[in-house]
Amino acid sequence: MPDSNNPHLSTWIKQLENSIPDLDENTILVGHSLGCVTVLRYLLKKGIRICGIVLVSGFIGQNPMSIQTEGLSGFVQGELDFIKINHLAPKRYVITASDDDIVPSCSTQEMAKTLDAQLIVLDSGKHFIERDGYMSFPVLLNILQQMVEL
């Protein structure tokens, strides 16, 4: 996503609009970290029912990360309509690692509970980024395959 060191919601939403202009019942949106709340806000903005969402190491509400920038506040300001999100994305999965050192696993688990999403907690994986050894993500691939087959 653009300007990931100093992210702004409007820029990230614009990126999604340019990258994924059309949503339909076959669309699965995947968000990671700050991208989770971005995906939720984009889905609400579009208002189109999709297949589902997979959110990885994310949070909603107050930013639990140690890094705080001016732009980050825009991602969590304003309420999210969870009833509408659940209608627009009937299949919802959330993945976290117990040892996540960027977004605490408890924050991601709270997001899953709020979204009434199926939660997958891995013992290790940290924040699921290259630094943590994540060049492929078999658990995510398996979930996506299940979503397509259902």
N, C-alpha and C. Protein backbone atom coordinates (compact mmCIF):
# COMPACT_ATOMS: atom_id res chain seq x y z
N MET A 1 0.85 -1.18 0.00
CA MET A 1 0.00 0.00 0.00
C MET A 1 0.90 1.24 0.00
N PRO A 2 0.39 2.33 -0.52
CA PRO A 2 1.22 3.54 -0.63
C PRO A 2 1.54 4.15 0.73
N ASP A 3 2.71 4.74 0.80
CA ASP A 3 3.14 5.47 2.00
C ASP A 3 2.93 4.65 3.27
N SER A 4 3.39 3.42 3.27
CA SER A 4 3.15 2.55 4.42
C SER A 4 3.87 3.02 5.69
N ASN A 5 4.86 3.87 5.55
CA ASN A 5 5.53 4.41 6.74
C ASN A 5 4.76 5.58 7.34
N ASN A 6 3.89 6.19 6.56
CA ASN A 6 3.03 7.27 7.05
C ASN A 6 1.68 7.14 6.35
N PRO A 7 0.92 6.10 6.69
CA PRO A 7 -0.31 5.80 5.96
C PRO A 7 -1.45 6.78 6.27
N HIS A 8 -2.29 6.96 5.24
CA HIS A 8 -3.50 7.76 5.38
C HIS A 8 -4.65 6.96 4.76
N LEU A 9 -5.76 6.90 5.44
CA LEU A 9 -6.89 6.09 4.99
C LEU A 9 -7.34 6.47 3.59
N SER A 10 -7.47 7.74 3.30
CA SER A 10 -7.98 8.16 1.99
C SER A 10 -7.08 7.65 0.86
N THR A 11 -5.78 7.66 1.07
CA THR A 11 -4.84 7.17 0.06
C THR A 11 -4.98 5.66 -0.11
N TRP A 12 -5.15 4.97 0.98
CA TRP A 12 -5.27 3.51 0.91
C TRP A 12 -6.60 3.10 0.27
N ILE A 13 -7.68 3.80 0.60
CA ILE A 13 -8.97 3.50 -0.03
C ILE A 13 -8.88 3.76 -1.53
N LYS A 14 -8.24 4.85 -1.91
CA LYS A 14 -8.07 5.18 -3.33
C LYS A 14 -7.29 4.06 -4.03
N GLN A 15 -6.27 3.53 -3.37
CA GLN A 15 -5.49 2.43 -3.94
C GLN A 15 -6.38 1.20 -4.16
N LEU A 16 -7.24 0.89 -3.20
CA LEU A 16 -8.16 -0.23 -3.37
C LEU A 16 -9.15 0.03 -4.51
N GLU A 17 -9.65 1.25 -4.59
CA GLU A 17 -10.58 1.59 -5.68
C GLU A 17 -9.92 1.42 -7.03
N ASN A 18 -8.65 1.77 -7.13
CA ASN A 18 -7.92 1.63 -8.40
C ASN A 18 -7.57 0.17 -8.69
N SER A 19 -7.23 -0.57 -7.65
CA SER A 19 -6.80 -1.96 -7.83
C SER A 19 -7.96 -2.94 -7.95
N ILE A 20 -9.04 -2.67 -7.22
CA ILE A 20 -10.20 -3.57 -7.18
C ILE A 20 -11.47 -2.73 -7.39
N PRO A 21 -11.67 -2.21 -8.60
CA PRO A 21 -12.81 -1.31 -8.79
C PRO A 21 -14.17 -2.01 -8.74
N ASP A 22 -14.19 -3.29 -9.09
CA ASP A 22 -15.46 -4.01 -9.17
C ASP A 22 -15.48 -5.16 -8.17
N LEU A 23 -16.49 -5.16 -7.33
CA LEU A 23 -16.69 -6.26 -6.39
C LEU A 23 -17.94 -7.02 -6.80
N ASP A 24 -17.96 -8.34 -6.51
CA ASP A 24 -19.16 -9.13 -6.75
C ASP A 24 -19.18 -10.30 -5.77
N GLU A 25 -20.13 -11.20 -5.94
CA GLU A 25 -20.31 -12.31 -5.00
C GLU A 25 -19.16 -13.31 -5.03
N ASN A 26 -18.24 -13.17 -5.98
CA ASN A 26 -17.08 -14.06 -6.04
C ASN A 26 -15.83 -13.43 -5.43
N THR A 27 -15.92 -12.18 -5.02
CA THR A 27 -14.76 -11.46 -4.49
C THR A 27 -14.46 -11.87 -3.06
N ILE A 28 -13.18 -12.10 -2.80
CA ILE A 28 -12.69 -12.32 -1.44
C ILE A 28 -11.65 -11.24 -1.18
N LEU A 29 -11.87 -10.43 -0.17
CA LEU A 29 -10.91 -9.39 0.19
C LEU A 29 -10.04 -9.89 1.33
N VAL A 30 -8.74 -9.67 1.21
CA VAL A 30 -7.78 -10.06 2.23
C VAL A 30 -7.09 -8.80 2.73
N GLY A 31 -7.08 -8.64 4.04
CA GLY A 31 -6.40 -7.50 4.64
C GLY A 31 -5.38 -7.96 5.64
N HIS A 32 -4.29 -7.21 5.74
CA HIS A 32 -3.24 -7.52 6.71
C HIS A 32 -2.91 -6.28 7.52
N SER A 33 -2.85 -6.45 8.82
CA SER A 33 -2.47 -5.38 9.74
C SER A 33 -3.42 -4.19 9.59
N LEU A 34 -2.89 -3.03 9.27
CA LEU A 34 -3.73 -1.85 9.08
C LEU A 34 -4.65 -2.01 7.87
N GLY A 35 -4.29 -2.92 6.98
CA GLY A 35 -5.13 -3.20 5.82
C GLY A 35 -6.46 -3.84 6.19
N CYS A 36 -6.56 -4.41 7.39
CA CYS A 36 -7.83 -5.03 7.81
C CYS A 36 -8.93 -3.99 7.94
N VAL A 37 -8.68 -2.96 8.69
CA VAL A 37 -9.70 -1.92 8.86
C VAL A 37 -9.92 -1.19 7.54
N THR A 38 -8.87 -1.11 6.71
CA THR A 38 -9.02 -0.50 5.39
C THR A 38 -9.99 -1.31 4.54
N VAL A 39 -9.84 -2.63 4.55
CA VAL A 39 -10.75 -3.51 3.80
C VAL A 39 -12.18 -3.34 4.30
N LEU A 40 -12.36 -3.27 5.61
CA LEU A 40 -13.71 -3.11 6.16
C LEU A 40 -14.33 -1.79 5.73
N ARG A 41 -13.56 -0.72 5.78
CA ARG A 41 -14.09 0.59 5.37
C ARG A 41 -14.36 0.63 3.87
N TYR A 42 -13.52 -0.02 3.08
CA TYR A 42 -13.73 -0.09 1.64
C TYR A 42 -15.01 -0.87 1.33
N LEU A 43 -15.19 -1.99 2.00
CA LEU A 43 -16.39 -2.80 1.80
C LEU A 43 -17.64 -2.00 2.13
N LEU A 44 -17.61 -1.29 3.24
CA LEU A 44 -18.77 -0.46 3.61
C LEU A 44 -19.00 0.65 2.60
N LYS A 45 -17.95 1.23 2.09
CA LYS A 45 -18.08 2.30 1.10
C LYS A 45 -18.71 1.77 -0.18
N LYS A 46 -18.27 0.60 -0.63
CA LYS A 46 -18.81 0.02 -1.86
C LYS A 46 -20.24 -0.49 -1.66
N GLY A 47 -20.52 -1.09 -0.50
CA GLY A 47 -21.86 -1.56 -0.20
C GLY A 47 -22.32 -2.72 -1.07
N ILE A 48 -21.39 -3.51 -1.57
CA ILE A 48 -21.70 -4.63 -2.46
C ILE A 48 -21.39 -5.94 -1.73
N ARG A 49 -22.33 -6.87 -1.79
CA ARG A 49 -22.15 -8.17 -1.15
C ARG A 49 -21.08 -8.97 -1.89
N ILE A 50 -20.12 -9.50 -1.14
CA ILE A 50 -19.02 -10.28 -1.71
C ILE A 50 -19.03 -11.68 -1.10
N CYS A 51 -18.11 -12.52 -1.54
CA CYS A 51 -18.00 -13.87 -0.97
C CYS A 51 -17.57 -13.80 0.49
N GLY A 52 -16.53 -13.02 0.77
CA GLY A 52 -16.08 -12.93 2.15
C GLY A 52 -14.78 -12.17 2.32
N ILE A 53 -14.30 -12.19 3.56
CA ILE A 53 -13.06 -11.49 3.91
C ILE A 53 -12.18 -12.40 4.75
N VAL A 54 -10.88 -12.19 4.61
CA VAL A 54 -9.89 -12.82 5.48
C VAL A 54 -9.02 -11.69 6.01
N LEU A 55 -8.97 -11.57 7.32
CA LEU A 55 -8.22 -10.49 7.95
C LEU A 55 -7.10 -11.10 8.79
N VAL A 56 -5.89 -10.59 8.59
CA VAL A 56 -4.70 -11.16 9.21
C VAL A 56 -4.01 -10.11 10.09
N SER A 57 -3.82 -10.44 11.35
CA SER A 57 -3.07 -9.58 12.28
C SER A 57 -3.57 -8.14 12.28
N GLY A 58 -4.87 -7.99 12.37
CA GLY A 58 -5.45 -6.66 12.33
C GLY A 58 -6.10 -6.25 13.63
N PHE A 59 -6.72 -5.09 13.57
CA PHE A 59 -7.41 -4.55 14.74
C PHE A 59 -8.47 -3.57 14.26
N ILE A 60 -9.41 -3.31 15.13
CA ILE A 60 -10.39 -2.25 14.93
C ILE A 60 -10.44 -1.46 16.23
N GLY A 61 -10.87 -0.27 16.16
CA GLY A 61 -10.88 0.55 17.37
C GLY A 61 -9.53 1.19 17.59
N GLN A 62 -9.18 1.39 18.83
CA GLN A 62 -7.93 2.09 19.16
C GLN A 62 -6.72 1.34 18.62
N ASN A 63 -5.78 2.08 18.07
CA ASN A 63 -4.55 1.52 17.53
C ASN A 63 -3.70 0.92 18.65
N PRO A 64 -3.49 -0.40 18.65
CA PRO A 64 -2.71 -1.03 19.72
C PRO A 64 -1.21 -1.08 19.44
N MET A 65 -0.80 -0.59 18.27
CA MET A 65 0.61 -0.68 17.89
C MET A 65 1.43 0.38 18.62
N SER A 66 2.71 0.10 18.78
CA SER A 66 3.58 1.07 19.45
C SER A 66 3.83 2.28 18.55
N ILE A 67 3.74 2.10 17.25
CA ILE A 67 3.94 3.20 16.31
C ILE A 67 2.64 3.99 16.18
N GLN A 68 2.75 5.29 16.34
CA GLN A 68 1.59 6.18 16.21
C GLN A 68 1.98 7.32 15.28
N THR A 69 1.23 7.52 14.23
CA THR A 69 1.45 8.68 13.35
C THR A 69 0.12 9.40 13.19
N GLU A 70 0.20 10.61 12.69
CA GLU A 70 -1.02 11.40 12.50
C GLU A 70 -2.00 10.69 11.58
N GLY A 71 -1.49 10.10 10.51
CA GLY A 71 -2.35 9.44 9.54
C GLY A 71 -3.07 8.22 10.08
N LEU A 72 -2.49 7.55 11.06
CA LEU A 72 -3.11 6.34 11.59
C LEU A 72 -4.46 6.59 12.24
N SER A 73 -4.64 7.76 12.80
CA SER A 73 -5.90 8.04 13.50
C SER A 73 -7.10 7.98 12.57
N GLY A 74 -6.91 8.32 11.30
CA GLY A 74 -8.01 8.30 10.34
C GLY A 74 -8.57 6.91 10.10
N PHE A 75 -7.76 5.89 10.29
CA PHE A 75 -8.21 4.52 10.05
C PHE A 75 -9.22 4.07 11.10
N VAL A 76 -9.09 4.58 12.30
CA VAL A 76 -9.93 4.09 13.40
C VAL A 76 -10.97 5.11 13.86
N GLN A 77 -10.98 6.29 13.25
CA GLN A 77 -12.00 7.28 13.61
C GLN A 77 -13.33 6.90 12.97
N GLY A 78 -14.38 7.08 13.70
CA GLY A 78 -15.71 6.77 13.17
C GLY A 78 -16.06 5.32 13.38
N GLU A 79 -17.33 5.10 13.58
CA GLU A 79 -17.84 3.75 13.85
C GLU A 79 -17.86 2.91 12.58
N LEU A 80 -17.76 1.61 12.77
CA LEU A 80 -17.95 0.64 11.70
C LEU A 80 -19.30 -0.03 11.91
N ASP A 81 -20.05 -0.23 10.84
CA ASP A 81 -21.35 -0.88 10.91
C ASP A 81 -21.15 -2.39 10.76
N PHE A 82 -21.01 -3.07 11.89
CA PHE A 82 -20.68 -4.49 11.86
C PHE A 82 -21.84 -5.34 11.35
N ILE A 83 -23.05 -4.93 11.57
CA ILE A 83 -24.20 -5.67 11.02
C ILE A 83 -24.14 -5.63 9.50
N LYS A 84 -23.85 -4.47 8.96
CA LYS A 84 -23.75 -4.33 7.50
C LYS A 84 -22.55 -5.11 6.97
N ILE A 85 -21.42 -5.04 7.67
CA ILE A 85 -20.24 -5.80 7.24
C ILE A 85 -20.56 -7.29 7.19
N ASN A 86 -21.22 -7.79 8.21
CA ASN A 86 -21.56 -9.22 8.24
C ASN A 86 -22.52 -9.61 7.12
N HIS A 87 -23.39 -8.70 6.73
CA HIS A 87 -24.28 -8.95 5.60
C HIS A 87 -23.50 -8.92 4.28
N LEU A 88 -22.61 -7.95 4.15
CA LEU A 88 -21.86 -7.80 2.90
C LEU A 88 -20.79 -8.88 2.72
N ALA A 89 -20.29 -9.43 3.81
CA ALA A 89 -19.25 -10.46 3.76
C ALA A 89 -19.68 -11.64 4.62
N PRO A 90 -20.49 -12.54 4.07
CA PRO A 90 -21.02 -13.64 4.88
C PRO A 90 -19.96 -14.63 5.38
N LYS A 91 -18.85 -14.74 4.67
CA LYS A 91 -17.76 -15.62 5.12
C LYS A 91 -16.65 -14.73 5.67
N ARG A 92 -16.35 -14.92 6.95
CA ARG A 92 -15.37 -14.05 7.61
C ARG A 92 -14.39 -14.90 8.41
N TYR A 93 -13.12 -14.70 8.12
CA TYR A 93 -12.05 -15.41 8.82
C TYR A 93 -11.03 -14.39 9.32
N VAL A 94 -10.46 -14.69 10.48
CA VAL A 94 -9.41 -13.85 11.06
C VAL A 94 -8.27 -14.76 11.49
N ILE A 95 -7.05 -14.36 11.15
CA ILE A 95 -5.86 -15.13 11.50
C ILE A 95 -4.95 -14.27 12.37
N THR A 96 -4.43 -14.85 13.44
CA THR A 96 -3.46 -14.18 14.29
C THR A 96 -2.44 -15.19 14.77
N ALA A 97 -1.32 -14.68 15.25
CA ALA A 97 -0.30 -15.52 15.88
C ALA A 97 -0.16 -15.09 17.33
N SER A 98 -0.03 -16.05 18.20
CA SER A 98 0.11 -15.75 19.63
C SER A 98 1.32 -14.88 19.92
N ASP A 99 2.34 -14.98 19.06
CA ASP A 99 3.57 -14.23 19.30
C ASP A 99 3.69 -12.97 18.44
N ASP A 100 2.57 -12.46 17.92
CA ASP A 100 2.62 -11.24 17.10
C ASP A 100 3.23 -10.11 17.94
N ASP A 101 4.29 -9.51 17.42
CA ASP A 101 4.98 -8.46 18.16
C ASP A 101 4.68 -7.06 17.63
N ILE A 102 3.74 -6.95 16.72
CA ILE A 102 3.35 -5.64 16.19
C ILE A 102 1.91 -5.32 16.58
N VAL A 103 0.99 -6.19 16.22
CA VAL A 103 -0.41 -6.05 16.66
C VAL A 103 -0.67 -7.18 17.65
N PRO A 104 -0.89 -6.86 18.91
CA PRO A 104 -1.11 -7.92 19.89
C PRO A 104 -2.23 -8.87 19.47
N SER A 105 -1.98 -10.16 19.66
CA SER A 105 -2.97 -11.17 19.28
C SER A 105 -4.33 -10.90 19.92
N CYS A 106 -4.34 -10.39 21.14
CA CYS A 106 -5.62 -10.12 21.81
C CYS A 106 -6.43 -9.08 21.05
N SER A 107 -5.77 -8.13 20.39
CA SER A 107 -6.49 -7.12 19.59
C SER A 107 -7.12 -7.76 18.36
N THR A 108 -6.37 -8.68 17.73
CA THR A 108 -6.90 -9.37 16.56
C THR A 108 -8.03 -10.31 16.97
N GLN A 109 -7.90 -10.96 18.10
CA GLN A 109 -8.96 -11.84 18.58
C GLN A 109 -10.22 -11.05 18.91
N GLU A 110 -10.06 -9.87 19.44
CA GLU A 110 -11.22 -9.02 19.73
C GLU A 110 -11.91 -8.61 18.43
N MET A 111 -11.11 -8.32 17.39
CA MET A 111 -11.68 -7.99 16.09
C MET A 111 -12.51 -9.16 15.57
N ALA A 112 -11.98 -10.38 15.69
CA ALA A 112 -12.71 -11.57 15.23
C ALA A 112 -14.03 -11.72 15.97
N LYS A 113 -13.99 -11.50 17.27
CA LYS A 113 -15.21 -11.62 18.07
C LYS A 113 -16.24 -10.58 17.64
N THR A 114 -15.81 -9.36 17.45
CA THR A 114 -16.71 -8.28 17.06
C THR A 114 -17.34 -8.56 15.69
N LEU A 115 -16.56 -9.16 14.79
CA LEU A 115 -17.05 -9.46 13.44
C LEU A 115 -17.76 -10.81 13.37
N ASP A 116 -17.82 -11.53 14.48
CA ASP A 116 -18.37 -12.88 14.48
C ASP A 116 -17.71 -13.72 13.38
N ALA A 117 -16.38 -13.63 13.34
CA ALA A 117 -15.59 -14.32 12.32
C ALA A 117 -14.99 -15.59 12.89
N GLN A 118 -14.70 -16.52 12.00
CA GLN A 118 -13.99 -17.72 12.43
C GLN A 118 -12.55 -17.32 12.71
N LEU A 119 -12.06 -17.64 13.89
CA LEU A 119 -10.73 -17.24 14.34
C LEU A 119 -9.76 -18.41 14.25
N ILE A 120 -8.60 -18.13 13.67
CA ILE A 120 -7.51 -19.09 13.62
C ILE A 120 -6.33 -18.47 14.37
N VAL A 121 -5.91 -19.10 15.46
CA VAL A 121 -4.78 -18.62 16.24
C VAL A 121 -3.63 -19.60 16.06
N LEU A 122 -2.54 -19.11 15.50
CA LEU A 122 -1.35 -19.93 15.32
C LEU A 122 -0.39 -19.69 16.48
N ASP A 123 0.33 -20.71 16.88
CA ASP A 123 1.27 -20.57 17.99
C ASP A 123 2.43 -19.64 17.64
N SER A 124 2.81 -19.62 16.38
CA SER A 124 3.92 -18.77 15.95
C SER A 124 3.63 -18.21 14.57
N GLY A 125 4.39 -17.21 14.21
CA GLY A 125 4.21 -16.54 12.93
C GLY A 125 4.43 -15.05 13.06
N LYS A 126 4.44 -14.60 14.31
CA LYS A 126 4.59 -13.17 14.62
C LYS A 126 3.60 -12.36 13.78
N HIS A 127 4.09 -11.42 12.96
CA HIS A 127 3.19 -10.53 12.21
C HIS A 127 3.01 -10.98 10.76
N PHE A 128 3.47 -12.18 10.45
CA PHE A 128 3.30 -12.78 9.12
C PHE A 128 3.90 -11.90 8.02
N ILE A 129 5.12 -11.46 8.24
CA ILE A 129 5.81 -10.65 7.23
C ILE A 129 7.15 -11.31 6.92
N GLU A 130 7.81 -10.82 5.89
CA GLU A 130 9.06 -11.41 5.43
C GLU A 130 10.08 -11.51 6.56
N ARG A 131 10.15 -10.49 7.38
CA ARG A 131 11.08 -10.47 8.52
C ARG A 131 10.86 -11.69 9.42
N ASP A 132 9.64 -12.16 9.47
CA ASP A 132 9.27 -13.30 10.31
C ASP A 132 9.36 -14.63 9.57
N GLY A 133 9.90 -14.59 8.35
CA GLY A 133 10.07 -15.80 7.56
C GLY A 133 8.87 -16.15 6.69
N TYR A 134 7.95 -15.21 6.54
CA TYR A 134 6.75 -15.51 5.76
C TYR A 134 6.92 -15.10 4.31
N MET A 135 7.30 -16.10 3.50
CA MET A 135 7.38 -15.93 2.05
C MET A 135 6.19 -16.60 1.39
N SER A 136 5.56 -17.51 2.10
CA SER A 136 4.32 -18.14 1.67
C SER A 136 3.46 -18.33 2.92
N PHE A 137 2.17 -18.51 2.70
CA PHE A 137 1.24 -18.54 3.83
C PHE A 137 0.23 -19.66 3.59
N PRO A 138 0.63 -20.93 3.83
CA PRO A 138 -0.25 -22.07 3.54
C PRO A 138 -1.59 -22.02 4.25
N VAL A 139 -1.62 -21.52 5.49
CA VAL A 139 -2.89 -21.44 6.23
C VAL A 139 -3.86 -20.52 5.50
N LEU A 140 -3.37 -19.38 5.04
CA LEU A 140 -4.21 -18.45 4.29
C LEU A 140 -4.69 -19.09 2.99
N LEU A 141 -3.79 -19.73 2.28
CA LEU A 141 -4.16 -20.39 1.03
C LEU A 141 -5.26 -21.43 1.26
N ASN A 142 -5.14 -22.20 2.32
CA ASN A 142 -6.14 -23.21 2.65
C ASN A 142 -7.51 -22.57 2.91
N ILE A 143 -7.52 -21.47 3.65
CA ILE A 143 -8.78 -20.77 3.94
C ILE A 143 -9.41 -20.27 2.64
N LEU A 144 -8.59 -19.67 1.78
CA LEU A 144 -9.11 -19.16 0.51
C LEU A 144 -9.69 -20.30 -0.33
N GLN A 145 -9.01 -21.43 -0.36
CA GLN A 145 -9.53 -22.58 -1.11
C GLN A 145 -10.85 -23.06 -0.53
N GLN A 146 -10.97 -23.09 0.79
CA GLN A 146 -12.23 -23.48 1.42
C GLN A 146 -13.34 -22.51 1.06
N MET A 147 -13.04 -21.23 1.07
CA MET A 147 -14.06 -20.22 0.78
C MET A 147 -14.58 -20.36 -0.65
N VAL A 148 -13.69 -20.66 -1.56
CA VAL A 148 -14.08 -20.79 -2.96
C VAL A 148 -14.92 -22.05 -3.16
N GLU A 149 -14.60 -23.11 -2.43
CA GLU A 149 -15.31 -24.38 -2.58
C GLU A 149 -16.67 -24.39 -1.92
N LEU A 150 -16.87 -23.58 -0.88
CA LEU A 150 -18.15 -23.60 -0.15
C LEU A 150 -19.28 -23.03 -0.97
